[in-house]
């Protein structure tokens, strides 16, 4: 399952680069997004390094999910693809 990084989780004056909002293909409601909680998410950098994260919760009512990564993602990650795999 694939998704696209939409934005960092942020406030008015701050942004948290470990918390990322992801729009998943085929998920368009909060109910479907809650089924993804606990799954692992992997972002691969252009150089081939992988940063792993975990789905924490849905965000809003349109199927966007909130993912917490082990390390903060760089700004170049916005708009790129991630893979969602079942938790192992």
PDB file of N, CA and C in Angstrom:
ATOM      1  N   UNK A   1       0.850  -1.171   0.000  1.00  0.00           N
ATOM      2  CA  UNK A   1       0.000   0.000   0.000  1.00  0.00           C
ATOM      3  C   UNK A   1       0.896   1.234   0.000  1.00  0.00           C
ATOM      4  N   UNK A   2       0.558   2.210  -0.820  1.00  0.00           N
ATOM      5  CA  UNK A   2       1.365   3.418  -0.930  1.00  0.00           C
ATOM      6  C   UNK A   2       0.598   4.649  -0.447  1.00  0.00           C
ATOM      7  N   UNK A   3       1.369   5.662  -0.067  1.00  0.00           N
ATOM      8  CA  UNK A   3       0.798   6.936   0.341  1.00  0.00           C
ATOM      9  C   UNK A   3       1.726   8.067  -0.051  1.00  0.00           C
ATOM     10  N   UNK A   4       1.242   9.281   0.054  1.00  0.00           N
ATOM     11  CA  UNK A   4       2.036  10.468  -0.274  1.00  0.00           C
ATOM     12  C   UNK A   4       2.121  11.358   0.953  1.00  0.00           C
ATOM     13  N   UNK A   5       3.333  11.836   1.243  1.00  0.00           N
ATOM     14  CA  UNK A   5       3.526  12.738   2.383  1.00  0.00           C
ATOM     15  C   UNK A   5       2.933  14.094   2.032  1.00  0.00           C
ATOM     16  N   UNK A   6       1.986  14.534   2.838  1.00  0.00           N
ATOM     17  CA  UNK A   6       1.280  15.787   2.573  1.00  0.00           C
ATOM     18  C   UNK A   6       1.935  16.942   3.314  1.00  0.00           C
ATOM     19  N   UNK A   7       2.237  16.735   4.594  1.00  0.00           N
ATOM     20  CA  UNK A   7       2.751  17.831   5.407  1.00  0.00           C
ATOM     21  C   UNK A   7       3.334  17.284   6.694  1.00  0.00           C
ATOM     22  N   UNK A   8       4.130  18.122   7.352  1.00  0.00           N
ATOM     23  CA  UNK A   8       4.541  17.823   8.716  1.00  0.00           C
ATOM     24  C   UNK A   8       3.392  18.211   9.641  1.00  0.00           C
ATOM     25  N   UNK A   9       3.322  17.583  10.795  1.00  0.00           N
ATOM     26  CA  UNK A   9       2.358  18.012  11.809  1.00  0.00           C
ATOM     27  C   UNK A   9       2.909  19.304  12.381  1.00  0.00           C
ATOM     28  N   UNK A  10       2.097  20.342  12.392  1.00  0.00           N
ATOM     29  CA  UNK A  10       2.633  21.636  12.795  1.00  0.00           C
ATOM     30  C   UNK A  10       1.592  22.478  13.503  1.00  0.00           C
ATOM     31  N   UNK A  11       2.116  23.469  14.179  1.00  0.00           N
ATOM     32  CA  UNK A  11       1.280  24.459  14.828  1.00  0.00           C
ATOM     33  C   UNK A  11       1.459  25.781  14.117  1.00  0.00           C
ATOM     34  N   UNK A  12       1.048  26.814  14.754  1.00  0.00           N
ATOM     35  CA  UNK A  12       1.131  28.130  14.126  1.00  0.00           C
ATOM     36  C   UNK A  12       2.574  28.592  13.955  1.00  0.00           C
ATOM     37  N   UNK A  13       3.422  28.275  14.937  1.00  0.00           N
ATOM     38  CA  UNK A  13       4.794  28.754  14.900  1.00  0.00           C
ATOM     39  C   UNK A  13       5.826  27.634  14.876  1.00  0.00           C
ATOM     40  N   UNK A  14       5.412  26.395  14.976  1.00  0.00           N
ATOM     41  CA  UNK A  14       6.359  25.293  15.054  1.00  0.00           C
ATOM     42  C   UNK A  14       5.950  24.170  14.113  1.00  0.00           C
ATOM     43  N   UNK A  15       6.909  23.315  13.790  1.00  0.00           N
ATOM     44  CA  UNK A  15       6.579  22.086  13.080  1.00  0.00           C
ATOM     45  C   UNK A  15       7.405  20.960  13.669  1.00  0.00           C
ATOM     46  N   UNK A  16       6.792  19.792  13.720  1.00  0.00           N
ATOM     47  CA  UNK A  16       7.451  18.620  14.273  1.00  0.00           C
ATOM     48  C   UNK A  16       7.793  17.705  13.102  1.00  0.00           C
ATOM     49  N   UNK A  17       9.091  17.535  12.800  1.00  0.00           N
ATOM     50  CA  UNK A  17       9.489  16.777  11.617  1.00  0.00           C
ATOM     51  C   UNK A  17       9.398  15.270  11.813  1.00  0.00           C
ATOM     52  N   UNK A  18       9.165  14.813  13.050  1.00  0.00           N
ATOM     53  CA  UNK A  18       8.961  13.381  13.285  1.00  0.00           C
ATOM     54  C   UNK A  18       7.514  12.978  13.022  1.00  0.00           C
ATOM     55  N   UNK A  19       6.587  13.911  13.144  1.00  0.00           N
ATOM     56  CA  UNK A  19       5.165  13.642  12.945  1.00  0.00           C
ATOM     57  C   UNK A  19       4.790  14.118  11.546  1.00  0.00           C
ATOM     58  N   UNK A  20       4.260  13.202  10.730  1.00  0.00           N
ATOM     59  CA  UNK A  20       3.989  13.505   9.329  1.00  0.00           C
ATOM     60  C   UNK A  20       2.553  13.115   8.997  1.00  0.00           C
ATOM     61  N   UNK A  21       1.909  13.897   8.141  1.00  0.00           N
ATOM     62  CA  UNK A  21       0.566  13.587   7.656  1.00  0.00           C
ATOM     63  C   UNK A  21       0.682  12.949   6.277  1.00  0.00           C
ATOM     64  N   UNK A  22       0.015  11.810   6.101  1.00  0.00           N
ATOM     65  CA  UNK A  22       0.122  11.047   4.861  1.00  0.00           C
ATOM     66  C   UNK A  22      -1.265  10.761   4.308  1.00  0.00           C
ATOM     67  N   UNK A  23      -1.430  10.994   2.995  1.00  0.00           N
ATOM     68  CA  UNK A  23      -2.666  10.663   2.281  1.00  0.00           C
ATOM     69  C   UNK A  23      -2.443   9.325   1.608  1.00  0.00           C
ATOM     70  N   UNK A  24      -3.275   8.324   1.948  1.00  0.00           N
ATOM     71  CA  UNK A  24      -3.114   6.964   1.455  1.00  0.00           C
ATOM     72  C   UNK A  24      -4.060   6.723   0.277  1.00  0.00           C
ATOM     73  N   UNK A  25      -3.556   6.031  -0.754  1.00  0.00           N
ATOM     74  CA  UNK A  25      -4.374   5.691  -1.914  1.00  0.00           C
ATOM     75  C   UNK A  25      -5.532   4.784  -1.507  1.00  0.00           C
ATOM     76  N   UNK A  26      -6.741   5.136  -1.904  1.00  0.00           N
ATOM     77  CA  UNK A  26      -7.901   4.297  -1.638  1.00  0.00           C
ATOM     78  C   UNK A  26      -8.543   4.485  -0.276  1.00  0.00           C
ATOM     79  N   UNK A  27      -7.974   5.321   0.581  1.00  0.00           N
ATOM     80  CA  UNK A  27      -8.544   5.583   1.905  1.00  0.00           C
ATOM     81  C   UNK A  27      -9.173   6.977   1.861  1.00  0.00           C
ATOM     82  N   UNK A  28     -10.490   7.042   2.075  1.00  0.00           N
ATOM     83  CA  UNK A  28     -11.161   8.334   1.960  1.00  0.00           C
ATOM     84  C   UNK A  28     -12.088   8.647   3.128  1.00  0.00           C
ATOM     85  N   UNK A  29     -11.975   7.865   4.234  1.00  0.00           N
ATOM     86  CA  UNK A  29     -12.800   8.161   5.392  1.00  0.00           C
ATOM     87  C   UNK A  29     -12.022   7.867   6.668  1.00  0.00           C
ATOM     88  N   UNK A  30     -12.486   8.441   7.751  1.00  0.00           N
ATOM     89  CA  UNK A  30     -11.830   8.238   9.041  1.00  0.00           C
ATOM     90  C   UNK A  30     -11.904   6.774   9.475  1.00  0.00           C
ATOM     91  N   UNK A  31     -13.010   6.098   9.160  1.00  0.00           N
ATOM     92  CA  UNK A  31     -13.188   4.703   9.553  1.00  0.00           C
ATOM     93  C   UNK A  31     -12.152   3.800   8.884  1.00  0.00           C
ATOM     94  N   UNK A  32     -11.913   4.024   7.590  1.00  0.00           N
ATOM     95  CA  UNK A  32     -10.908   3.231   6.876  1.00  0.00           C
ATOM     96  C   UNK A  32      -9.506   3.544   7.387  1.00  0.00           C
ATOM     97  N   UNK A  33      -9.265   4.801   7.754  1.00  0.00           N
ATOM     98  CA  UNK A  33      -7.941   5.201   8.234  1.00  0.00           C
ATOM     99  C   UNK A  33      -7.631   4.582   9.592  1.00  0.00           C
ATOM    100  N   UNK A  34      -8.644   4.367  10.431  1.00  0.00           N
ATOM    101  CA  UNK A  34      -8.392   3.780  11.748  1.00  0.00           C
ATOM    102  C   UNK A  34      -7.920   2.333  11.637  1.00  0.00           C
ATOM    103  N   UNK A  35      -8.234   1.650  10.535  1.00  0.00           N
ATOM    104  CA  UNK A  35      -7.779   0.277  10.331  1.00  0.00           C
ATOM    105  C   UNK A  35      -6.272   0.196  10.125  1.00  0.00           C
ATOM    106  N   UNK A  36      -5.644   1.306   9.766  1.00  0.00           N
ATOM    107  CA  UNK A  36      -4.199   1.316   9.496  1.00  0.00           C
ATOM    108  C   UNK A  36      -3.356   1.560  10.752  1.00  0.00           C
ATOM    109  N   UNK A  37      -3.982   1.873  11.875  1.00  0.00           N
ATOM    110  CA  UNK A  37      -3.233   2.178  13.097  1.00  0.00           C
ATOM    111  C   UNK A  37      -2.355   0.988  13.477  1.00  0.00           C
ATOM    112  N   UNK A  38      -1.086   1.284  13.753  1.00  0.00           N
ATOM    113  CA  UNK A  38      -0.135   0.253  14.151  1.00  0.00           C
ATOM    114  C   UNK A  38       0.708  -0.287  13.012  1.00  0.00           C
ATOM    115  N   UNK A  39       0.350   0.000  11.764  1.00  0.00           N
ATOM    116  CA  UNK A  39       1.131  -0.498  10.637  1.00  0.00           C
ATOM    117  C   UNK A  39       2.429   0.295  10.501  1.00  0.00           C
ATOM    118  N   UNK A  40       3.422  -0.323   9.878  1.00  0.00           N
ATOM    119  CA  UNK A  40       4.726   0.300   9.709  1.00  0.00           C
ATOM    120  C   UNK A  40       4.769   1.062   8.388  1.00  0.00           C
ATOM    121  N   UNK A  41       5.439   2.208   8.400  1.00  0.00           N
ATOM    122  CA  UNK A  41       5.584   3.051   7.220  1.00  0.00           C
ATOM    123  C   UNK A  41       7.076   3.220   6.955  1.00  0.00           C
ATOM    124  N   UNK A  42       7.471   3.105   5.682  1.00  0.00           N
ATOM    125  CA  UNK A  42       8.886   3.226   5.321  1.00  0.00           C
ATOM    126  C   UNK A  42       9.038   4.292   4.242  1.00  0.00           C
ATOM    127  N   UNK A  43       9.911   5.274   4.511  1.00  0.00           N
ATOM    128  CA  UNK A  43      10.264   6.288   3.524  1.00  0.00           C
ATOM    129  C   UNK A  43      11.690   6.034   3.081  1.00  0.00           C
ATOM    130  N   UNK A  44      11.919   5.979   1.782  1.00  0.00           N
ATOM    131  CA  UNK A  44      13.250   5.739   1.238  1.00  0.00           C
ATOM    132  C   UNK A  44      13.768   7.042   0.640  1.00  0.00           C
ATOM    133  N   UNK A  45      14.963   7.460   1.073  1.00  0.00           N
ATOM    134  CA  UNK A  45      15.570   8.693   0.586  1.00  0.00           C
ATOM    135  C   UNK A  45      16.134   8.462  -0.818  1.00  0.00           C
ATOM    136  N   UNK A  46      16.449   9.517  -1.547  1.00  0.00           N
ATOM    137  CA  UNK A  46      17.034   9.351  -2.878  1.00  0.00           C
ATOM    138  C   UNK A  46      18.358   8.575  -2.852  1.00  0.00           C
ATOM    139  N   UNK A  47      19.081   8.607  -1.743  1.00  0.00           N
ATOM    140  CA  UNK A  47      20.343   7.871  -1.648  1.00  0.00           C
ATOM    141  C   UNK A  47      20.131   6.419  -1.240  1.00  0.00           C
ATOM    142  N   UNK A  48      18.890   6.034  -0.894  1.00  0.00           N
ATOM    143  CA  UNK A  48      18.583   4.652  -0.571  1.00  0.00           C
ATOM    144  C   UNK A  48      18.420   4.350   0.911  1.00  0.00           C
ATOM    145  N   UNK A  49      18.636   5.341   1.773  1.00  0.00           N
ATOM    146  CA  UNK A  49      18.451   5.112   3.209  1.00  0.00           C
ATOM    147  C   UNK A  49      16.964   5.046   3.530  1.00  0.00           C
ATOM    148  N   UNK A  50      16.622   4.211   4.501  1.00  0.00           N
ATOM    149  CA  UNK A  50      15.227   4.049   4.900  1.00  0.00           C
ATOM    150  C   UNK A  50      15.003   4.603   6.289  1.00  0.00           C
ATOM    151  N   UNK A  51      13.914   5.338   6.451  1.00  0.00           N
ATOM    152  CA  UNK A  51      13.490   5.813   7.764  1.00  0.00           C
ATOM    153  C   UNK A  51      12.122   5.202   8.015  1.00  0.00           C
ATOM    154  N   UNK A  52      11.986   4.544   9.168  1.00  0.00           N
ATOM    155  CA  UNK A  52      10.754   3.821   9.478  1.00  0.00           C
ATOM    156  C   UNK A  52       9.906   4.593  10.476  1.00  0.00           C
ATOM    157  N   UNK A  53       8.613   4.405  10.375  1.00  0.00           N
ATOM    158  CA  UNK A  53       7.675   5.032  11.291  1.00  0.00           C
ATOM    159  C   UNK A  53       6.491   4.125  11.523  1.00  0.00           C
ATOM    160  N   UNK A  54       5.563   4.602  12.340  1.00  0.00           N
ATOM    161  CA  UNK A  54       4.395   3.815  12.714  1.00  0.00           C
ATOM    162  C   UNK A  54       3.157   4.709  12.643  1.00  0.00           C
ATOM    163  N   UNK A  55       2.064   4.154  12.132  1.00  0.00           N
ATOM    164  CA  UNK A  55       0.811   4.908  12.045  1.00  0.00           C
ATOM    165  C   UNK A  55       0.261   5.088  13.451  1.00  0.00           C
ATOM    166  N   UNK A  56       0.031   6.349  13.848  1.00  0.00           N
ATOM    167  CA  UNK A  56      -0.422   6.649  15.197  1.00  0.00           C
ATOM    168  C   UNK A  56      -1.938   6.843  15.277  1.00  0.00           C
ATOM    169  N   UNK A  57      -2.498   7.594  14.327  1.00  0.00           N
ATOM    170  CA  UNK A  57      -3.926   7.898  14.393  1.00  0.00           C
ATOM    171  C   UNK A  57      -4.400   8.507  13.082  1.00  0.00           C
ATOM    172  N   UNK A  58      -5.722   8.567  12.870  1.00  0.00           N
ATOM    173  CA  UNK A  58      -6.231   9.312  11.722  1.00  0.00           C
ATOM    174  C   UNK A  58      -6.141  10.808  11.994  1.00  0.00           C
ATOM    175  N   UNK A  59      -6.180  11.592  10.926  1.00  0.00           N
ATOM    176  CA  UNK A  59      -6.118  13.040  11.055  1.00  0.00           C
ATOM    177  C   UNK A  59      -7.247  13.621  10.213  1.00  0.00           C
ATOM    178  N   UNK A  60      -8.257  14.136  10.859  1.00  0.00           N
ATOM    179  CA  UNK A  60      -9.390  14.694  10.143  1.00  0.00           C
ATOM    180  C   UNK A  60     -10.379  13.626   9.721  1.00  0.00           C
ATOM    181  N   UNK A  61     -11.265  13.976   8.778  1.00  0.00           N
ATOM    182  CA  UNK A  61     -12.349  13.077   8.381  1.00  0.00           C
ATOM    183  C   UNK A  61     -12.193  12.538   6.962  1.00  0.00           C
ATOM    184  N   UNK A  62     -11.103  12.856   6.276  1.00  0.00           N
ATOM    185  CA  UNK A  62     -10.978  12.476   4.869  1.00  0.00           C
ATOM    186  C   UNK A  62      -9.938  11.393   4.619  1.00  0.00           C
ATOM    187  N   UNK A  63      -9.539  10.673   5.662  1.00  0.00           N
ATOM    188  CA  UNK A  63      -8.663   9.534   5.462  1.00  0.00           C
ATOM    189  C   UNK A  63      -7.182   9.799   5.548  1.00  0.00           C
ATOM    190  N   UNK A  64      -6.779  10.970   5.993  1.00  0.00           N
ATOM    191  CA  UNK A  64      -5.361  11.260   6.184  1.00  0.00           C
ATOM    192  C   UNK A  64      -4.921  10.622   7.498  1.00  0.00           C
ATOM    193  N   UNK A  65      -3.701  10.080   7.518  1.00  0.00           N
ATOM    194  CA  UNK A  65      -3.195   9.439   8.730  1.00  0.00           C
ATOM    195  C   UNK A  65      -1.999  10.208   9.282  1.00  0.00           C
ATOM    196  N   UNK A  66      -1.792  10.059  10.592  1.00  0.00           N
ATOM    197  CA  UNK A  66      -0.668  10.689  11.274  1.00  0.00           C
ATOM    198  C   UNK A  66       0.354   9.593  11.579  1.00  0.00           C
ATOM    199  N   UNK A  67       1.602   9.797  11.141  1.00  0.00           N
ATOM    200  CA  UNK A  67       2.660   8.805  11.321  1.00  0.00           C
ATOM    201  C   UNK A  67       3.775   9.428  12.132  1.00  0.00           C
ATOM    202  N   UNK A  68       4.316   8.658  13.095  1.00  0.00           N
ATOM    203  CA  UNK A  68       5.447   9.110  13.892  1.00  0.00           C
ATOM    204  C   UNK A  68       6.671   8.309  13.459  1.00  0.00           C
ATOM    205  N   UNK A  69       7.693   8.999  12.958  1.00  0.00           N
ATOM    206  CA  UNK A  69       8.910   8.364  12.477  1.00  0.00           C
ATOM    207  C   UNK A  69       9.962   8.314  13.570  1.00  0.00           C
ATOM    208  N   UNK A  70      10.943   7.388  13.401  1.00  0.00           N
ATOM    209  CA  UNK A  70      12.032   7.253  14.374  1.00  0.00           C
ATOM    210  C   UNK A  70      12.893   8.509  14.394  1.00  0.00           C
ATOM    211  N   UNK A  71      13.208   9.014  13.204  1.00  0.00           N
ATOM    212  CA  UNK A  71      13.988  10.240  13.062  1.00  0.00           C
ATOM    213  C   UNK A  71      13.146  11.242  12.288  1.00  0.00           C
ATOM    214  N   UNK A  72      13.532  12.494  12.362  1.00  0.00           N
ATOM    215  CA  UNK A  72      12.813  13.505  11.608  1.00  0.00           C
ATOM    216  C   UNK A  72      13.095  13.383  10.126  1.00  0.00           C
ATOM    217  N   UNK A  73      12.083  13.654   9.308  1.00  0.00           N
ATOM    218  CA  UNK A  73      12.256  13.591   7.865  1.00  0.00           C
ATOM    219  C   UNK A  73      12.751  14.930   7.343  1.00  0.00           C
ATOM    220  N   UNK A  74      13.539  14.923   6.268  1.00  0.00           N
ATOM    221  CA  UNK A  74      13.982  16.188   5.672  1.00  0.00           C
ATOM    222  C   UNK A  74      12.849  16.838   4.884  1.00  0.00           C
ATOM    223  N   UNK A  75      13.000  18.093   4.571  1.00  0.00           N
ATOM    224  CA  UNK A  75      11.978  18.808   3.815  1.00  0.00           C
ATOM    225  C   UNK A  75      11.763  18.248   2.432  1.00  0.00           C
ATOM    226  N   UNK A  76      12.803  17.624   1.845  1.00  0.00           N
ATOM    227  CA  UNK A  76      12.663  17.053   0.509  1.00  0.00           C
ATOM    228  C   UNK A  76      11.712  15.857   0.474  1.00  0.00           C
ATOM    229  N   UNK A  77      11.316  15.363   1.644  1.00  0.00           N
ATOM    230  CA  UNK A  77      10.396  14.230   1.710  1.00  0.00           C
ATOM    231  C   UNK A  77       8.961  14.634   1.382  1.00  0.00           C
ATOM    232  N   UNK A  78       8.615  15.911   1.499  1.00  0.00           N
ATOM    233  CA  UNK A  78       7.245  16.353   1.221  1.00  0.00           C
ATOM    234  C   UNK A  78       6.888  16.065  -0.233  1.00  0.00           C
ATOM    235  N   UNK A  79       5.744  15.453  -0.445  1.00  0.00           N
ATOM    236  CA  UNK A  79       5.287  15.138  -1.789  1.00  0.00           C
ATOM    237  C   UNK A  79       5.817  13.825  -2.337  1.00  0.00           C
ATOM    238  N   UNK A  80       6.644  13.116  -1.575  1.00  0.00           N
ATOM    239  CA  UNK A  80       7.192  11.847  -2.046  1.00  0.00           C
ATOM    240  C   UNK A  80       6.351  10.680  -1.540  1.00  0.00           C
ATOM    241  N   UNK A  81       6.655   9.495  -2.069  1.00  0.00           N
ATOM    242  CA  UNK A  81       5.885   8.296  -1.743  1.00  0.00           C
ATOM    243  C   UNK A  81       6.462   7.547  -0.574  1.00  0.00           C
ATOM    244  N   UNK A  82       5.580   6.908   0.197  1.00  0.00           N
ATOM    245  CA  UNK A  82       5.978   6.018   1.276  1.00  0.00           C
ATOM    246  C   UNK A  82       5.259   4.689   1.086  1.00  0.00           C
ATOM    247  N   UNK A  83       5.818   3.639   1.669  1.00  0.00           N
ATOM    248  CA  UNK A  83       5.188   2.326   1.625  1.00  0.00           C
ATOM    249  C   UNK A  83       4.626   1.994   3.003  1.00  0.00           C
ATOM    250  N   UNK A  84       3.421   1.459   3.026  1.00  0.00           N
ATOM    251  CA  UNK A  84       2.781   1.048   4.266  1.00  0.00           C
ATOM    252  C   UNK A  84       2.729  -0.474   4.260  1.00  0.00           C
ATOM    253  N   UNK A  85       3.350  -1.071   5.268  1.00  0.00           N
ATOM    254  CA  UNK A  85       3.417  -2.535   5.356  1.00  0.00           C
ATOM    255  C   UNK A  85       2.812  -2.982   6.681  1.00  0.00           C
ATOM    256  N   UNK A  86       2.289  -4.204   6.738  1.00  0.00           N
ATOM    257  CA  UNK A  86       1.769  -4.700   8.008  1.00  0.00           C
ATOM    258  C   UNK A  86       2.884  -4.789   9.047  1.00  0.00           C
ATOM    259  N   UNK A  87       2.523  -4.605  10.309  1.00  0.00           N
ATOM    260  CA  UNK A  87       3.510  -4.639  11.379  1.00  0.00           C
ATOM    261  C   UNK A  87       4.074  -6.048  11.505  1.00  0.00           C
ATOM    262  N   UNK A  88       5.412  -6.121  11.613  1.00  0.00           N
ATOM    263  CA  UNK A  88       6.048  -7.449  11.704  1.00  0.00           C
ATOM    264  C   UNK A  88       6.559  -7.735  13.091  1.00  0.00           C
TER     265      UNK A  88
END
